[in-house]
């Protein structure tokens, strides 16, 4: 299975047609490269506030209501794209009121046959809780899909071990972590949390961040994680016989030589190994054929040029 994770920029879209064209482009790129799952980031839907003008888009409270008004239409769009390209898509999250006084931060998972379900964020950041007045939503869920059992931890949720553990004990084999942060440090914080959840639960964890500047957004959402630190899925192996693709390759992205920290050594070609995680888990082996893609803003310089694949096969030794 190939997973496409979006390093997603927030753009001031001029019309819903422009927004639809942007979504179609990203889905088409993922499908063209053989992806079965496409992951979009947290609060990616906030760009829909631009449809109601810069004054609304720049107002914290008004922008939440504006995005909520476009949620049904945006969901219909993603459902069509999932059906058109035969993809599973975790749509970008956004505020949903559902008759409440306070919105929840909700991400919806779609499959080729339609909506699979949604996941609400569990733990609010101080900004969400104190400034935006966004509240926690429904309970954690595990989605049984053709790709395996999927759990979703929205951004800050990935930093709490018991949430990831609850999903793993409920059978989740892949954890999706859409994120939105306004500093590089915030991005790193979520990434480290995602790495810890992979280590603890022996499962695949995929992070999808927002990147770049967000023109017209409120000050708190103006500077996001830079492209050099975007979309790098986290991984580990879970040796479970029930895993439908336990003996197939699990894809991983590597840092390109130009941006990889000196402490990380993973060449785009040649042998590559990792320290085993947990007992009786063999070292990963690099394969020559890349099987994971990172989608980035077409206008940005390619910042993840190298990909590598690690074998998901397990031995009894």
Protein backbone atom coordinates (compact mmCIF):
# COMPACT_ATOMS: atom_id res chain seq x y z
CA UNK A 1 0.00 0.00 0.00
CA UNK A 2 1.17 3.51 -0.80
CA UNK A 3 0.26 6.42 1.48
CA UNK A 4 0.32 10.01 0.21
CA UNK A 5 0.67 12.61 2.95
CA UNK A 6 0.07 16.24 2.07
CA UNK A 7 2.43 19.04 3.08
CA UNK A 8 -0.43 21.42 2.59
CA UNK A 9 -0.39 25.23 2.11
CA UNK A 10 -3.43 27.34 3.04
CA UNK A 11 -4.38 29.54 0.08
CA UNK A 12 -6.86 32.45 -0.11
CA UNK A 13 -9.15 30.64 -2.58
CA UNK A 14 -11.25 33.01 -4.67
CA UNK A 15 -14.19 30.66 -5.25
CA UNK A 16 -15.41 27.22 -4.35
CA UNK A 17 -14.59 26.10 -7.88
CA UNK A 18 -10.99 27.14 -7.27
CA UNK A 19 -10.98 25.20 -4.01
CA UNK A 20 -12.45 22.16 -5.79
CA UNK A 21 -9.80 22.37 -8.50
CA UNK A 22 -7.06 22.47 -5.85
CA UNK A 23 -8.45 19.39 -4.09
CA UNK A 24 -8.86 17.54 -7.39
CA UNK A 25 -5.27 18.31 -8.33
CA UNK A 26 -3.91 16.84 -5.10
CA UNK A 27 -6.09 13.75 -5.31
CA UNK A 28 -5.13 13.22 -8.94
CA UNK A 29 -1.42 13.43 -8.08
CA UNK A 30 -1.83 10.88 -5.32
CA UNK A 31 -3.79 8.48 -7.55
CA UNK A 32 -1.34 8.87 -10.43
CA UNK A 33 1.47 7.67 -8.19
CA UNK A 34 -0.46 4.66 -6.99
CA UNK A 35 -1.56 5.85 -3.56
CA UNK A 36 -4.38 4.08 -1.77
CA UNK A 37 -4.65 6.58 1.09
CA UNK A 38 -4.34 10.38 0.99
CA UNK A 39 -3.97 12.33 4.25
CA UNK A 40 -4.69 16.08 4.57
CA UNK A 41 -3.76 18.20 7.63
CA UNK A 42 -5.57 19.73 10.56
CA UNK A 43 -7.49 22.96 9.90
CA UNK A 44 -6.83 22.72 6.17
CA UNK A 45 -10.43 23.75 5.66
CA UNK A 46 -9.84 27.17 7.19
CA UNK A 47 -8.96 28.43 3.71
CA UNK A 48 -12.68 28.18 2.90
CA UNK A 49 -13.24 31.27 5.09
CA UNK A 50 -11.69 33.32 2.28
CA UNK A 51 -14.81 32.65 0.22
CA UNK A 52 -16.66 35.16 2.40
CA UNK A 53 -14.10 37.93 2.11
CA UNK A 54 -10.90 39.04 3.85
CA UNK A 55 -12.74 40.61 6.79
CA UNK A 56 -14.41 37.29 7.66
CA UNK A 57 -11.26 35.26 6.99
CA UNK A 58 -9.26 37.50 9.32
CA UNK A 59 -11.75 37.33 12.19
CA UNK A 60 -11.30 34.43 14.60
CA UNK A 61 -14.94 33.83 15.52
CA UNK A 62 -16.45 34.70 12.15
CA UNK A 63 -14.04 32.45 10.26
CA UNK A 64 -15.17 29.43 12.28
CA UNK A 65 -18.82 30.01 11.35
CA UNK A 66 -17.89 30.67 7.73
CA UNK A 67 -16.03 27.38 7.35
CA UNK A 68 -18.83 25.48 9.03
CA UNK A 69 -21.29 26.82 6.46
CA UNK A 70 -19.20 25.24 3.68
CA UNK A 71 -18.60 21.89 5.42
CA UNK A 72 -21.38 19.90 3.74
CA UNK A 73 -20.34 21.09 0.30
CA UNK A 74 -16.69 20.33 0.99
CA UNK A 75 -17.56 16.83 2.22
CA UNK A 76 -19.54 16.17 -0.96
CA UNK A 77 -16.49 17.23 -2.95
CA UNK A 78 -14.13 14.85 -1.13
CA UNK A 79 -16.63 12.01 -1.47
CA UNK A 80 -16.69 12.55 -5.23
CA UNK A 81 -12.88 12.62 -5.40
CA UNK A 82 -12.56 9.43 -3.36
CA UNK A 83 -14.99 7.72 -5.71
CA UNK A 84 -13.42 9.19 -8.86
CA UNK A 85 -9.84 8.22 -7.99
CA UNK A 86 -10.63 5.08 -5.94
CA UNK A 87 -8.88 6.53 -2.90
CA UNK A 88 -9.29 6.53 0.85
CA UNK A 89 -8.99 10.18 1.89
CA UNK A 90 -8.69 11.75 5.32
CA UNK A 91 -10.08 15.18 4.54
CA UNK A 92 -8.57 18.28 6.11
CA UNK A 93 -10.16 18.97 9.47
CA UNK A 94 -12.20 22.05 10.25
CA UNK A 95 -14.70 23.53 12.71
CA UNK A 96 -18.13 21.89 12.86
CA UNK A 97 -20.91 23.24 15.08
CA UNK A 98 -23.63 20.60 14.57
CA UNK A 99 -26.13 22.70 16.49
CA UNK A 100 -23.72 23.37 19.36
CA UNK A 101 -22.70 26.76 20.72
CA UNK A 102 -19.05 25.72 20.45
CA UNK A 103 -17.51 24.01 17.41
CA UNK A 104 -15.51 20.81 17.42
CA UNK A 105 -12.41 20.18 15.33
CA UNK A 106 -13.49 17.33 13.02
CA UNK A 107 -11.70 15.25 10.38
CA UNK A 108 -13.73 12.94 8.14
CA UNK A 109 -12.48 9.74 6.52
CA UNK A 110 -13.78 8.83 3.07
CA UNK A 111 -13.49 5.69 0.99
CA UNK A 112 -14.32 4.92 -2.63
CA UNK A 113 -17.85 4.02 -1.52
CA UNK A 114 -18.46 7.19 0.49
CA UNK A 115 -18.11 8.42 4.06
CA UNK A 116 -16.51 5.94 6.46
CA UNK A 117 -16.79 8.11 9.56
CA UNK A 118 -15.37 11.11 11.37
CA UNK A 119 -13.07 11.77 14.30
CA UNK A 120 -13.27 14.79 16.59
CA UNK A 121 -10.23 16.19 18.36
CA UNK A 122 -10.12 15.14 22.00
CA UNK A 123 -7.74 17.55 23.72
CA UNK A 124 -7.79 21.23 22.87
CA UNK A 125 -4.70 23.43 22.83
CA UNK A 126 -4.85 26.57 24.96
CA UNK A 127 -5.45 28.67 21.85
CA UNK A 128 -8.39 26.50 20.79
CA UNK A 129 -9.85 26.39 24.27
CA UNK A 130 -9.22 29.94 25.50
CA UNK A 131 -9.22 32.08 22.34
CA UNK A 132 -11.16 30.18 19.69
CA UNK A 133 -13.56 28.48 22.10
CA UNK A 134 -13.29 25.17 20.23
CA UNK A 135 -14.42 22.21 22.35
CA UNK A 136 -13.69 18.48 22.45
CA UNK A 137 -16.00 16.24 20.48
CA UNK A 138 -17.05 12.60 20.28
CA UNK A 139 -15.01 9.61 21.48
CA UNK A 140 -12.06 7.98 19.76
CA UNK A 141 -12.97 5.57 16.98
CA UNK A 142 -11.27 2.83 14.99
CA UNK A 143 -12.30 2.58 11.34
CA UNK A 144 -12.21 -0.88 9.76
CA UNK A 145 -11.31 -0.27 6.12
CA UNK A 146 -10.06 -2.25 3.16
CA UNK A 147 -6.59 -0.87 3.95
CA UNK A 148 -6.63 -2.05 7.56
CA UNK A 149 -7.87 -0.61 10.84
CA UNK A 150 -7.27 3.13 11.03
CA UNK A 151 -7.27 5.49 14.02
CA UNK A 152 -6.99 9.29 13.93
CA UNK A 153 -5.21 11.52 16.45
CA UNK A 154 -5.64 15.16 15.49
CA UNK A 155 -2.47 17.16 16.18
CA UNK A 156 -2.28 17.74 19.97
CA UNK A 157 -4.03 14.41 20.60
CA UNK A 158 -0.90 12.63 19.33
CA UNK A 159 1.03 14.02 22.31
CA UNK A 160 -1.01 12.04 24.85
CA UNK A 161 0.14 8.40 25.18
CA UNK A 162 -3.12 6.99 26.50
CA UNK A 163 -5.09 8.13 23.45
CA UNK A 164 -2.78 6.32 21.06
CA UNK A 165 -2.73 3.31 23.35
CA UNK A 166 -6.51 3.15 23.44
CA UNK A 167 -6.65 3.08 19.65
CA UNK A 168 -3.93 0.42 19.40
CA UNK A 169 -5.66 -1.80 21.95
CA UNK A 170 -8.87 -1.39 19.95
CA UNK A 171 -7.03 -2.81 16.94
CA UNK A 172 -5.74 0.25 15.07
CA UNK A 173 -2.88 -0.62 12.72
CA UNK A 174 -2.37 2.84 11.23
CA UNK A 175 -2.61 6.13 13.13
CA UNK A 176 -3.17 9.28 11.08
CA UNK A 177 -1.97 12.55 12.62
CA UNK A 178 -3.16 15.65 10.74
CA UNK A 179 -1.50 18.72 12.26
CA UNK A 180 -1.49 22.51 12.09
CA UNK A 181 1.13 24.53 13.95
CA UNK A 182 2.28 28.14 13.76
CA UNK A 183 5.98 27.55 14.48
CA UNK A 184 8.67 25.06 13.55
CA UNK A 185 8.90 24.11 17.23
CA UNK A 186 5.20 23.28 17.25
CA UNK A 187 5.61 21.04 14.23
CA UNK A 188 8.53 19.25 15.91
CA UNK A 189 6.49 18.79 19.09
CA UNK A 190 3.71 16.99 17.23
CA UNK A 191 6.18 14.95 15.24
CA UNK A 192 7.99 13.78 18.37
CA UNK A 193 4.65 12.81 19.89
CA UNK A 194 3.82 10.84 16.75
CA UNK A 195 7.17 9.08 16.90
CA UNK A 196 6.52 8.11 20.50
CA UNK A 197 3.09 6.70 19.64
CA UNK A 198 4.68 4.57 16.89
CA UNK A 199 7.32 3.31 19.29
CA UNK A 200 4.88 2.52 22.08
CA UNK A 201 2.23 0.84 19.97
CA UNK A 202 4.31 -0.80 17.22
CA UNK A 203 2.13 0.66 14.49
CA UNK A 204 2.46 2.92 11.47
CA UNK A 205 1.92 6.63 12.21
CA UNK A 206 1.52 9.21 9.43
CA UNK A 207 1.70 12.96 10.01
CA UNK A 208 0.32 15.52 7.55
CA UNK A 209 1.20 19.16 8.39
CA UNK A 210 0.26 22.57 7.10
CA UNK A 211 3.21 24.46 5.57
CA UNK A 212 4.11 27.96 4.40
CA UNK A 213 2.48 31.34 4.98
CA UNK A 214 -1.30 31.73 5.25
CA UNK A 215 -2.22 35.12 3.72
CA UNK A 216 -5.30 36.74 5.19
CA UNK A 217 -5.50 34.41 8.16
CA UNK A 218 -5.63 35.61 11.77
CA UNK A 219 -2.16 36.33 13.27
CA UNK A 220 -2.10 33.01 15.10
CA UNK A 221 -2.23 31.13 11.80
CA UNK A 222 0.14 33.26 9.73
CA UNK A 223 3.45 31.38 9.99
CA UNK A 224 3.32 27.63 9.69
CA UNK A 225 5.87 24.82 9.58
CA UNK A 226 8.48 25.51 6.84
CA UNK A 227 8.64 23.17 3.82
CA UNK A 228 11.99 21.70 4.90
CA UNK A 229 10.29 20.14 7.91
CA UNK A 230 7.06 19.01 6.30
CA UNK A 231 5.32 15.68 5.70
CA UNK A 232 7.54 12.96 7.01
CA UNK A 233 5.55 9.90 8.08
CA UNK A 234 6.58 8.12 11.26
CA UNK A 235 6.75 4.36 11.25
CA UNK A 236 7.20 1.19 13.24
CA UNK A 237 6.23 -2.45 12.77
CA UNK A 238 3.49 -4.35 14.50
CA UNK A 239 4.03 -8.11 14.14
CA UNK A 240 0.41 -9.19 14.17
CA UNK A 241 -0.78 -12.14 12.12
CA UNK A 242 -4.13 -10.44 11.59
CA UNK A 243 -2.53 -7.47 9.82
CA UNK A 244 -3.80 -7.86 6.22
CA UNK A 245 -0.54 -6.64 4.70
CA UNK A 246 1.89 -7.63 7.47
CA UNK A 247 4.27 -9.21 4.98
CA UNK A 248 4.14 -6.44 2.41
CA UNK A 249 6.30 -3.34 2.25
CA UNK A 250 5.54 -0.42 4.57
CA UNK A 251 6.57 2.90 2.99
CA UNK A 252 8.71 5.56 4.65
CA UNK A 253 10.00 8.95 3.50
CA UNK A 254 13.65 9.87 4.01
CA UNK A 255 15.19 13.31 4.42
CA UNK A 256 16.86 14.63 1.26
CA UNK A 257 20.60 15.17 1.66
CA UNK A 258 20.20 18.96 1.49
CA UNK A 259 17.88 19.22 4.50
CA UNK A 260 18.50 16.05 6.53
CA UNK A 261 20.03 16.80 9.94
CA UNK A 262 23.61 15.54 10.26
CA UNK A 263 22.56 13.13 13.01
CA UNK A 264 20.21 11.28 10.66
CA UNK A 265 21.86 8.84 8.29
CA UNK A 266 19.61 7.25 5.71
CA UNK A 267 20.97 7.32 2.18
CA UNK A 268 18.51 7.36 -0.71
CA UNK A 269 20.40 4.45 -2.25
CA UNK A 270 22.19 1.47 -0.82
CA UNK A 271 21.71 -0.45 2.45
CA UNK A 272 19.75 1.17 5.23
CA UNK A 273 18.81 -0.33 8.59
CA UNK A 274 17.12 0.75 11.78
CA UNK A 275 17.27 -0.35 15.40
CA UNK A 276 14.62 -3.00 16.08
CA UNK A 277 11.60 -1.76 18.02
CA UNK A 278 10.47 -4.28 20.61
CA UNK A 279 11.42 -7.95 20.91
CA UNK A 280 11.80 -10.25 17.90
CA UNK A 281 11.23 -7.46 15.36
CA UNK A 282 13.86 -7.71 12.62
CA UNK A 283 15.79 -4.76 11.27
CA UNK A 284 14.15 -2.95 8.38
CA UNK A 285 15.72 -3.40 4.98
CA UNK A 286 15.89 -0.76 2.31
CA UNK A 287 14.45 -1.68 -1.06
CA UNK A 288 15.29 0.06 -4.29
CA UNK A 289 11.73 0.86 -5.33
CA UNK A 290 10.16 3.88 -3.56
CA UNK A 291 6.62 3.13 -2.42
CA UNK A 292 5.60 6.29 -0.58
CA UNK A 293 5.02 9.74 -1.92
CA UNK A 294 4.83 13.16 -0.35
CA UNK A 295 2.55 15.71 -1.95
CA UNK A 296 3.77 19.27 -1.71
CA UNK A 297 2.74 22.65 -3.04
CA UNK A 298 3.60 22.57 -6.77
CA UNK A 299 4.96 26.12 -6.45
CA UNK A 300 7.53 25.16 -3.83
CA UNK A 301 10.95 23.72 -4.51
CA UNK A 302 10.96 19.96 -4.07
CA UNK A 303 12.12 19.44 -0.51
CA UNK A 304 11.60 15.71 -0.21
CA UNK A 305 13.37 14.39 -3.25
CA UNK A 306 14.50 11.06 -1.83
CA UNK A 307 12.27 8.22 -0.72
CA UNK A 308 13.09 4.83 0.67
CA UNK A 309 11.13 1.72 1.52
CA UNK A 310 11.53 -0.60 4.47
CA UNK A 311 10.42 -4.22 4.44
CA UNK A 312 7.45 -5.11 6.61
CA UNK A 313 8.19 -8.84 6.67
CA UNK A 314 8.63 -10.43 10.08
CA UNK A 315 10.55 -13.53 11.06
CA UNK A 316 10.12 -15.89 14.01
CA UNK A 317 13.83 -15.84 14.81
